[in-house]
Protein backbone atom coordinates (compact mmCIF):
# COMPACT_ATOMS: atom_id res chain seq x y z
CA UNK A 1 -2.29 1.54 -26.07
CA UNK A 2 -5.98 1.69 -25.81
CA UNK A 3 -6.42 2.52 -22.11
CA UNK A 4 -4.60 5.13 -20.17
CA UNK A 5 -6.20 6.92 -17.23
CA UNK A 6 -4.41 9.70 -15.13
CA UNK A 7 -3.78 7.94 -11.70
CA UNK A 8 -5.43 9.09 -8.71
CA UNK A 9 -2.01 9.78 -7.04
CA UNK A 10 1.27 11.08 -8.46
CA UNK A 11 3.43 8.44 -7.01
CA UNK A 12 6.70 10.37 -7.78
CA UNK A 13 5.38 12.86 -5.11
CA UNK A 14 3.79 10.55 -2.69
CA UNK A 15 5.48 8.31 0.01
CA UNK A 16 4.22 4.82 -0.49
CA UNK A 17 5.31 1.94 1.45
CA UNK A 18 4.27 -1.80 2.55
CA UNK A 19 3.78 -2.71 6.14
CA UNK A 20 4.14 -6.51 6.94
CA UNK A 21 1.61 -7.39 9.58
CA UNK A 22 1.42 -11.08 9.69
CA UNK A 23 2.36 -14.51 8.13
CA UNK A 24 0.84 -17.81 8.30
CA UNK A 25 1.72 -20.68 10.82
CA UNK A 26 0.09 -23.39 9.11
CA UNK A 27 1.25 -26.21 11.59
CA UNK A 28 -0.83 -24.69 14.44
CA UNK A 29 -3.61 -23.15 12.19
CA UNK A 30 -3.04 -19.70 13.23
CA UNK A 31 -1.45 -16.53 12.32
CA UNK A 32 2.12 -15.24 13.36
CA UNK A 33 1.46 -11.48 14.05
CA UNK A 34 4.04 -8.70 13.93
CA UNK A 35 1.74 -5.71 13.84
CA UNK A 36 -1.88 -5.34 14.58
CA UNK A 37 -4.29 -3.11 12.91
CA UNK A 38 -4.40 -0.85 16.16
CA UNK A 39 -0.54 -0.94 16.30
CA UNK A 40 -0.31 0.11 12.49
CA UNK A 41 -2.34 3.18 13.28
CA UNK A 42 0.04 4.11 16.04
CA UNK A 43 3.07 3.75 13.50
CA UNK A 44 1.45 5.73 11.07
CA UNK A 45 0.99 8.59 13.51
CA UNK A 46 4.61 8.56 14.14
CA UNK A 47 5.35 8.52 10.41
CA UNK A 48 3.29 11.49 9.91
CA UNK A 49 5.18 13.45 12.37
CA UNK A 50 8.51 12.47 10.91
CA UNK A 51 7.31 13.29 7.24
CA UNK A 52 5.74 16.47 8.07
CA UNK A 53 2.31 15.40 7.01
CA UNK A 54 2.90 14.83 3.57
CA UNK A 55 0.76 12.44 1.54
CA UNK A 56 1.38 8.84 2.32
CA UNK A 57 0.06 5.50 1.23
CA UNK A 58 0.56 2.22 3.42
CA UNK A 59 -0.19 -1.17 1.74
CA UNK A 60 -0.98 -3.80 4.21
CA UNK A 61 0.78 -7.10 3.83
CA UNK A 62 -0.87 -10.21 5.49
CA UNK A 63 -4.13 -8.51 6.27
CA UNK A 64 -6.02 -11.61 4.69
CA UNK A 65 -6.35 -15.20 5.69
CA UNK A 66 -3.67 -16.29 8.17
CA UNK A 67 -1.35 -13.78 6.74
CA UNK A 68 1.04 -13.14 3.95
CA UNK A 69 0.82 -15.33 0.90
CA UNK A 70 -2.41 -16.84 1.96
CA UNK A 71 -5.85 -17.41 0.16
CA UNK A 72 -4.46 -16.01 -3.34
CA UNK A 73 -6.00 -15.21 -5.62
CA UNK A 74 -9.06 -14.86 -3.43
CA UNK A 75 -8.85 -11.83 -1.04
CA UNK A 76 -11.89 -11.65 0.87
CA UNK A 77 -11.12 -13.09 4.29
CA UNK A 78 -9.81 -10.40 6.87
CA UNK A 79 -7.21 -11.83 9.31
CA UNK A 80 -9.07 -12.27 12.56
CA UNK A 81 -5.76 -12.29 14.43
CA UNK A 82 -5.09 -8.63 13.56
CA UNK A 83 -7.81 -7.42 15.76
CA UNK A 84 -7.28 -6.66 19.43
CA UNK A 85 -9.82 -7.11 22.54
CA UNK A 86 -12.46 -4.57 22.19
CA UNK A 87 -12.61 -4.98 18.60
CA UNK A 88 -15.99 -6.32 17.49
CA UNK A 89 -14.46 -8.17 14.30
CA UNK A 90 -11.24 -7.97 12.21
CA UNK A 91 -13.18 -6.27 9.32
CA UNK A 92 -14.64 -3.59 11.60
CA UNK A 93 -10.88 -3.03 12.76
CA UNK A 94 -9.50 -2.97 9.34
CA UNK A 95 -12.29 -0.29 8.35
CA UNK A 96 -11.50 1.75 11.42
CA UNK A 97 -7.75 1.66 10.62
CA UNK A 98 -8.68 3.14 7.13
CA UNK A 99 -10.77 5.88 8.53
CA UNK A 100 -8.40 6.75 11.37
CA UNK A 101 -5.32 6.95 9.10
CA UNK A 102 -7.07 9.86 7.21
CA UNK A 103 -6.12 11.95 10.29
CA UNK A 104 -2.41 11.32 9.72
CA UNK A 105 -2.48 12.11 5.86
CA UNK A 106 -2.27 8.47 5.17
CA UNK A 107 -4.34 6.16 2.75
CA UNK A 108 -4.44 2.64 3.97
CA UNK A 109 -4.56 -0.10 1.25
CA UNK A 110 -3.79 -3.62 0.46
CA UNK A 111 -1.08 -6.03 -0.68
CA UNK A 112 -2.42 -8.71 -3.00
CA UNK A 113 -1.81 -11.16 -5.68
CA UNK A 114 -3.34 -12.30 -8.82
CA UNK A 115 -0.66 -14.30 -10.17
CA UNK A 116 -0.36 -17.25 -7.44
CA UNK A 117 -2.92 -19.80 -6.47
CA UNK A 118 -2.88 -22.60 -3.80
CA UNK A 119 -4.35 -25.93 -3.59
CA UNK A 120 -6.15 -24.95 -0.39
CA UNK A 121 -7.75 -21.98 -1.90
CA UNK A 122 -11.54 -22.50 -1.88
CA UNK A 123 -11.85 -21.56 -5.64
CA UNK A 124 -8.99 -23.96 -6.57
CA UNK A 125 -11.16 -26.76 -8.15
CA UNK A 126 -12.82 -23.92 -10.27
CA UNK A 127 -9.60 -22.45 -11.32
CA UNK A 128 -8.36 -25.77 -12.54
CA UNK A 129 -11.53 -26.44 -14.35
CA UNK A 130 -11.71 -23.25 -16.14
CA UNK A 131 -7.83 -23.41 -17.27
CA UNK A 132 -7.36 -20.58 -14.93
CA UNK A 133 -4.09 -22.18 -13.72
CA UNK A 134 -1.09 -23.29 -15.81
CA UNK A 135 -1.26 -26.92 -16.93
CA UNK A 136 1.45 -29.27 -18.15
CA UNK A 137 1.37 -30.63 -21.77
CA UNK A 138 -0.70 -33.48 -20.43
CA UNK A 139 -3.53 -31.38 -19.09
CA UNK A 140 -2.79 -31.92 -15.37
CA UNK A 141 -2.43 -28.78 -13.14
CA UNK A 142 1.30 -27.67 -12.95
CA UNK A 143 2.52 -27.50 -9.38
CA UNK A 144 5.10 -24.70 -9.84
CA UNK A 145 6.59 -25.16 -6.39
CA UNK A 146 5.78 -26.26 -2.79
CA UNK A 147 4.87 -23.05 -0.64
CA UNK A 148 4.16 -23.21 2.98
CA UNK A 149 3.40 -26.91 2.48
CA UNK A 150 0.85 -26.52 -0.09
CA UNK A 151 0.83 -27.09 -3.85
CA UNK A 152 1.34 -23.72 -5.59
CA UNK A 153 0.09 -22.89 -8.85
CA UNK A 154 0.50 -19.87 -11.32
CA UNK A 155 -2.63 -18.14 -12.61
CA UNK A 156 -3.11 -18.19 -16.42
CA UNK A 157 -4.64 -14.59 -16.77
CA UNK A 158 -6.37 -15.68 -20.10
CA UNK A 159 -8.29 -18.38 -18.35
CA UNK A 160 -9.02 -16.48 -15.31
CA UNK A 161 -10.21 -13.43 -17.08
CA UNK A 162 -12.20 -15.08 -19.77
CA UNK A 163 -13.87 -17.56 -17.14
CA UNK A 164 -15.32 -14.76 -15.26
CA UNK A 165 -13.67 -15.76 -12.09
CA UNK A 166 -11.48 -12.68 -11.85
CA UNK A 167 -14.30 -10.18 -11.75
CA UNK A 168 -16.08 -12.47 -9.23
CA UNK A 169 -13.46 -12.64 -6.81
CA UNK A 170 -12.33 -9.13 -7.36
CA UNK A 171 -15.73 -7.60 -6.65
CA UNK A 172 -15.86 -9.56 -3.55
CA UNK A 173 -12.63 -8.15 -2.46
CA UNK A 174 -14.10 -4.68 -3.06
CA UNK A 175 -17.09 -5.47 -0.94
CA UNK A 176 -15.10 -6.70 2.14
CA UNK A 177 -12.41 -4.01 2.08
CA UNK A 178 -12.33 -0.14 1.38
CA UNK A 179 -9.98 -0.71 -1.60
CA UNK A 180 -12.13 1.52 -3.80
CA UNK A 181 -12.13 4.13 -1.27
CA UNK A 182 -8.43 4.08 -1.07
CA UNK A 183 -8.14 4.20 -4.74
CA UNK A 184 -4.96 2.31 -4.93
CA UNK A 185 -3.94 -1.35 -4.50
CA UNK A 186 -0.63 -3.22 -4.55
CA UNK A 187 -0.44 -6.34 -6.75
CA UNK A 188 2.78 -8.29 -6.05
CA UNK A 189 4.51 -10.45 -8.65
CA UNK A 190 2.29 -9.73 -11.56
CA UNK A 191 4.35 -11.68 -14.02
CA UNK A 192 3.08 -13.50 -17.04
CA UNK A 193 3.59 -17.25 -17.08
CA UNK A 194 2.33 -19.12 -20.32
CA UNK A 195 -0.11 -22.21 -20.24
CA UNK A 196 1.04 -25.33 -22.01
CA UNK A 197 -2.33 -27.02 -22.38
CA UNK A 198 -4.18 -25.15 -23.84
CA UNK A 199 -0.96 -23.22 -25.11
CA UNK A 200 -1.19 -19.65 -24.40
CA UNK A 201 1.49 -16.82 -25.87
CA UNK A 202 3.08 -13.97 -23.97
CA UNK A 203 0.70 -11.74 -26.09
CA UNK A 204 -2.44 -13.43 -25.13
CA UNK A 205 -1.48 -13.48 -21.66
CA UNK A 206 -0.49 -9.91 -21.53
CA UNK A 207 -3.70 -8.81 -23.22
CA UNK A 208 -5.83 -10.57 -20.48
CA UNK A 209 -3.62 -9.08 -17.91
CA UNK A 210 -4.36 -5.72 -19.35
CA UNK A 211 -8.05 -6.48 -19.55
CA UNK A 212 -7.90 -7.13 -15.78
CA UNK A 213 -5.85 -4.05 -15.12
CA UNK A 214 -8.39 -2.10 -17.17
CA UNK A 215 -11.34 -3.57 -14.93
CA UNK A 216 -9.55 -2.44 -11.76
CA UNK A 217 -8.81 0.98 -13.11
CA UNK A 218 -12.42 1.43 -14.30
CA UNK A 219 -13.39 1.02 -10.60
CA UNK A 220 -11.31 4.13 -9.81
CA UNK A 221 -8.29 2.07 -8.47
CA UNK A 222 -4.75 2.70 -9.33
CA UNK A 223 -2.56 -0.56 -9.42
CA UNK A 224 1.05 -0.40 -8.18
CA UNK A 225 3.05 -3.40 -8.37
CA UNK A 226 6.32 -5.35 -7.75
CA UNK A 227 8.41 -5.33 -10.86
CA UNK A 228 8.79 -3.79 -14.44
CA UNK A 229 6.89 -5.95 -16.75
CA UNK A 230 8.55 -6.62 -20.21
CA UNK A 231 8.08 -10.53 -20.84
CA UNK A 232 9.35 -12.39 -23.80
CA UNK A 233 8.30 -15.77 -25.11
CA UNK A 234 8.94 -18.83 -22.76
CA UNK A 235 11.17 -16.49 -20.46
CA UNK A 236 11.42 -15.20 -17.04
CA UNK A 237 14.07 -13.40 -15.12
CA UNK A 238 16.39 -16.27 -14.20
CA UNK A 239 17.05 -19.61 -15.54
CA UNK A 240 16.44 -21.05 -12.08
CA UNK A 241 13.15 -19.26 -11.88
CA UNK A 242 10.22 -21.91 -11.03
CA UNK A 243 8.60 -20.79 -14.22
CA UNK A 244 11.56 -21.38 -16.25
CA UNK A 245 11.98 -24.79 -14.92
CA UNK A 246 8.34 -25.38 -15.67
CA UNK A 247 8.94 -24.55 -19.30
CA UNK A 248 11.87 -26.88 -19.55
CA UNK A 249 10.08 -29.60 -18.07
CA UNK A 250 7.44 -29.52 -20.86
CA UNK A 251 10.61 -29.99 -23.34
CA UNK A 252 10.18 -26.30 -24.60
CA UNK A 253 13.22 -24.77 -26.03
CA UNK A 254 14.08 -21.46 -24.20
CA UNK A 255 14.96 -18.92 -26.85
CA UNK A 256 17.99 -16.81 -26.62
CA UNK A 257 16.77 -13.14 -25.96
CA UNK A 258 17.20 -10.14 -23.73
CA UNK A 259 14.41 -8.29 -21.77
CA UNK A 260 15.71 -5.06 -23.46
CA UNK A 261 14.01 -6.52 -26.56
CA UNK A 262 10.69 -6.47 -24.98
CA UNK A 263 8.18 -3.61 -24.63
CA UNK A 264 7.30 -2.21 -21.16
CA UNK A 265 3.88 -4.07 -21.36
CA UNK A 266 2.21 -2.22 -18.67
CA UNK A 267 3.49 1.31 -19.13
CA UNK A 268 0.34 3.63 -18.69
CA UNK A 269 -1.58 1.04 -16.65
CA UNK A 270 0.90 0.61 -13.66
CA UNK A 271 2.19 4.05 -12.47
CA UNK A 272 4.77 2.60 -9.85
CA UNK A 273 6.65 -0.46 -8.92
CA UNK A 274 8.87 -1.39 -6.02
CA UNK A 275 11.60 -3.17 -7.95
CA UNK A 276 12.11 -1.27 -11.17
CA UNK A 277 14.45 -3.73 -12.71
CA UNK A 278 14.50 -4.46 -16.36
CA UNK A 279 14.78 -0.64 -17.04
CA UNK A 280 17.89 0.96 -18.45
CA UNK A 281 19.25 4.55 -17.38
CA UNK A 282 18.25 5.95 -20.88
CA UNK A 283 14.71 4.85 -20.27
CA UNK A 284 14.86 6.47 -16.92
CA UNK A 285 15.73 9.94 -18.60
CA UNK A 286 12.80 9.32 -21.30
CA UNK A 287 9.77 8.07 -19.01
CA UNK A 288 8.56 10.77 -16.71
CA UNK A 289 8.36 9.68 -13.01
CA UNK A 290 4.80 10.85 -12.91
CA UNK A 291 4.02 8.09 -15.50
CA UNK A 292 6.10 5.47 -13.87
CA UNK A 293 8.07 5.58 -10.73
CA UNK A 294 9.51 3.24 -8.03
CA UNK A 295 12.73 2.05 -6.20
CA UNK A 296 15.45 1.53 -8.65
CA UNK A 297 16.88 -1.93 -8.30
CA UNK A 298 20.13 -0.96 -10.35
CA UNK A 299 22.52 0.68 -7.63
CA UNK A 300 23.99 3.01 -9.96
CA UNK A 301 20.71 4.23 -11.26
CA UNK A 302 19.38 4.48 -7.62
CA UNK A 303 22.48 6.68 -6.68
CA UNK A 304 21.74 9.32 -9.39
CA UNK A 305 17.85 9.14 -9.51
CA UNK A 306 17.15 7.93 -6.02
CA UNK A 307 13.89 6.34 -5.43
CA UNK A 308 10.85 5.45 -3.14
CA UNK A 309 11.88 4.04 0.22
CA UNK A 310 10.52 0.40 1.08
CA UNK A 311 9.33 0.76 4.78
CA UNK A 312 8.47 -2.87 5.05
CA UNK A 313 11.91 -4.27 5.32
CA UNK A 314 12.85 -1.62 7.92
CA UNK A 315 10.01 -2.70 10.20
CA UNK A 316 10.65 -6.41 9.68
CA UNK A 317 14.42 -5.84 10.92
CA UNK A 318 13.60 -3.63 13.75
CA UNK A 319 10.25 -3.81 15.58
CA UNK A 320 6.98 -2.00 15.68
CA UNK A 321 8.26 0.20 18.60
CA UNK A 322 9.24 3.60 16.92
CA UNK A 323 12.19 3.91 19.30
CA UNK A 324 13.68 1.28 17.42
CA UNK A 325 12.96 2.27 13.82
CA UNK A 326 12.33 6.02 13.73
CA UNK A 327 15.99 6.81 13.46
CA UNK A 328 16.51 4.63 10.30
CA UNK A 329 13.20 5.67 8.89
CA UNK A 330 14.25 9.38 9.14
CA UNK A 331 17.44 8.69 7.54
CA UNK A 332 15.94 6.82 4.48
CA UNK A 333 13.28 9.59 4.29
CA UNK A 334 15.81 12.61 4.21
CA UNK A 335 18.61 10.81 2.04
CA UNK A 336 16.64 8.88 -0.26
CA UNK A 337 12.99 10.04 -0.50
CA UNK A 338 13.45 13.76 -0.13
CA UNK A 339 15.93 13.84 -2.96
CA UNK A 340 13.68 11.78 -5.10
CA UNK A 341 10.89 14.11 -4.62
CA UNK A 342 12.97 17.11 -5.35
CA UNK A 343 14.54 15.73 -8.68
CA UNK A 344 11.18 14.31 -9.83
CA UNK A 345 10.06 17.99 -10.13
CA UNK A 346 12.63 18.73 -12.64
CA UNK A 347 13.10 17.71 -16.31
CA UNK A 348 15.69 15.04 -16.97
CA UNK A 349 17.90 16.75 -19.53
CA UNK A 350 21.20 14.83 -20.14
CA UNK A 351 22.76 11.43 -19.15
CA UNK A 352 26.32 11.10 -18.45
CA UNK A 353 27.82 7.52 -18.11
CA UNK A 354 30.97 6.91 -16.45
CA UNK A 355 32.44 3.59 -15.45
CA UNK A 356 31.80 4.10 -11.74
CA UNK A 357 28.05 5.29 -12.37
CA UNK A 358 25.87 8.17 -13.74
CA UNK A 359 25.63 11.89 -13.54
CA UNK A 360 22.28 13.38 -14.72
CA UNK A 361 21.64 16.95 -15.50
CA UNK A 362 18.11 18.38 -14.80
CA UNK A 363 16.31 21.65 -15.61
CA UNK A 364 16.96 24.82 -13.39
CA UNK A 365 20.63 24.16 -13.23
CA UNK A 366 20.24 20.87 -11.22
CA UNK A 367 22.84 18.18 -11.41
CA UNK A 368 22.73 14.78 -9.60
CA UNK A 369 26.23 13.04 -9.31
CA UNK A 370 25.64 9.46 -8.49
CA UNK A 371 29.29 8.81 -8.15
CA UNK A 372 29.96 11.66 -5.59
CA UNK A 373 26.44 11.21 -4.02
CA UNK A 374 25.75 14.88 -4.11
CA UNK A 375 23.19 17.32 -5.87
CA UNK A 376 23.98 20.55 -6.92
CA UNK A 377 21.87 23.83 -8.14
CA UNK A 378 23.93 26.15 -10.59
CA UNK A 379 27.24 24.72 -8.94
CA UNK A 380 25.83 25.12 -5.25
CA UNK A 381 25.86 21.86 -3.21
CA UNK A 382 22.63 21.24 -1.53
CA UNK A 383 23.11 17.39 -0.87
CA UNK A 384 26.56 16.16 0.08
CA UNK A 385 26.56 12.43 0.85
CA UNK A 386 24.39 12.10 3.98
CA UNK A 387 24.15 15.97 4.60
CA UNK A 388 20.90 17.37 3.02
CA UNK A 389 19.04 20.48 2.97
CA UNK A 390 16.09 20.21 0.50
CA UNK A 391 12.73 21.71 -0.14
CA UNK A 392 9.91 19.29 0.94
CA UNK A 393 6.99 21.11 -0.99
CA UNK A 394 6.76 22.29 -4.63
CA UNK A 395 6.38 25.85 -3.50
CA UNK A 396 9.80 25.79 -1.64
CA UNK A 397 8.30 27.21 1.72
CA UNK A 398 9.14 24.15 3.69
CA UNK A 399 12.68 22.78 3.81
CA UNK A 400 14.09 19.69 5.73
CA UNK A 401 17.71 19.56 6.72
CA UNK A 402 19.46 16.28 7.98
CA UNK A 403 22.91 15.10 8.91
CA UNK A 404 23.87 11.53 9.50
CA UNK A 405 27.13 12.33 11.25
CA UNK A 406 26.42 15.86 12.45
CA UNK A 407 27.23 19.25 10.97
CA UNK A 408 27.43 22.81 12.32
CA UNK A 409 27.73 26.11 10.41
CA UNK A 410 26.46 27.43 7.15
CA UNK A 411 24.20 25.42 4.85
CA UNK A 412 23.27 26.24 1.22
CA UNK A 413 19.57 26.89 0.50
CA UNK A 414 19.46 28.45 -2.76
CA UNK A 415 15.69 27.40 -3.64
CA UNK A 416 14.50 29.62 -0.51
CA UNK A 417 12.90 32.94 -1.73
CA UNK A 418 12.39 34.23 1.87
CA UNK A 419 14.55 35.64 4.55
CA UNK A 420 13.10 34.66 7.67
CA UNK A 421 12.48 31.09 8.79
CA UNK A 422 10.84 29.03 11.77
CA UNK A 423 13.27 26.23 12.75
CA UNK A 424 11.93 23.11 14.46
CA UNK A 425 13.55 19.64 15.30
CA UNK A 426 11.55 16.63 13.81
CA UNK A 427 10.85 14.15 16.56
CA UNK A 428 8.42 11.01 16.74
CA UNK A 429 6.12 13.10 18.98
CA UNK A 430 5.87 15.98 16.67
CA UNK A 431 8.09 19.10 15.78
CA UNK A 432 9.84 20.85 18.67
CA UNK A 433 10.27 24.47 18.24
CA UNK A 434 13.99 25.39 18.06
CA UNK A 435 13.81 29.22 17.20
CA UNK A 436 14.07 31.40 14.22
CA UNK A 437 16.72 31.69 11.49
CA UNK A 438 17.75 34.38 8.86
CA UNK A 439 18.46 33.31 5.35
CA UNK A 440 21.04 35.55 3.60
CA UNK A 441 22.66 34.89 0.19
CA UNK A 442 21.19 31.74 -0.12
CA UNK A 443 22.86 30.51 3.36
CA UNK A 444 21.43 29.42 6.68
CA UNK A 445 23.21 28.69 9.97
CA UNK A 446 22.37 25.49 11.55
CA UNK A 447 23.95 23.03 14.31
CA UNK A 448 22.72 19.66 13.53
CA UNK A 449 23.69 16.82 15.69
CA UNK A 450 24.12 13.18 14.24
CA UNK A 451 20.82 11.62 12.90
CA UNK A 452 19.08 14.70 13.74
CA UNK A 453 16.70 16.56 11.30
CA UNK A 454 15.10 20.08 11.24
CA UNK A 455 12.07 21.50 9.33
CA UNK A 456 12.62 25.16 8.00
CA UNK A 457 9.60 26.90 7.28
CA UNK A 458 9.16 30.40 5.87
CA UNK A 459 7.81 33.18 8.07
CA UNK A 460 5.90 36.21 7.12
């Protein structure tokens, strides 16, 4: 690999999520809004209270055009429907959100897409002219699917990069938004698709994708994305995937092969992905989470390594009112994200494979049992199903305790090297003091009601 740069953020110790703001209503030529920029800031404030001010990244989905999956691969028109009365413009409201979110330890950035293009996109004629979208064997643009009533194309990275259109569009995106200031961006579905006329190979498309990534990284921007990318010639994830149908329609024979035979093409360039499918448990052992992390798609892997919480699906199922989503958010943060942070601070030493799942041994006597859903340190249980008491920080001075069903009495806290602690209840409005507690012989007494969480902080 000829290009590796340390990312701006350690995604294995950062809470990064997507927030779905809006989607297009093309029939009425407007945007269907779920969360405005101002409402997003209010939600970020609550998240900061629930997560004790840790570093967070929120990628806005549907911030452009009329909402999610509009305009791509161009990203330069801020969604006007996301401003509110009193806002001079949507762009000003967006920049204000970016600045104000800093008060809540949150970096606001953007969800984008460089893999898809639409017939209604202003640069569509130029994309077709420069072979920047896939073409059938006869040279005509390949309509991969009809999406939101529009012809949808796939981008040929080789054509898009070599034509100069990529840099032209990306530079404009950087002018309109604070993406360079954010230092991170999320690019969805950055999969390779091969062109038929002129024919491009996986290697050529991967090389062009790498050059695109290198340019973005050279501007000081990390790239996170949707999947783990290890493509093979004339293959996609599923036989029913539109790309596979496109290949077959050209009379191409799909070779028999398995993703395990392909390299991790973007390792070192993309530090985090949402759906880390196409990765084995042994590779999870070998690849440090600081180099590549994310939400593990395989349920057995997720049960033992844990993973990044998504955020977006929670708000889409609930609402933007914290009273609707705060309880579920706190549950996911304490039982999924908190163990993820903790385990990622320790070296992965040994993988034990059972029929029911995995057990992983870490440094410092830590064992994560994905079958029993518990974590122990030197034989002492510190996570038992949905009862959790783990350190939030690397220095082990701040701990979070949570119980889904409620628990009263003694809790193990072996990582605490202090004897006196301040205890506060975590609420959407901030911490509520609940007194002090003594830690003796690695134990602390707590009375936690169902769905309640406490923060335990070192005193003295």
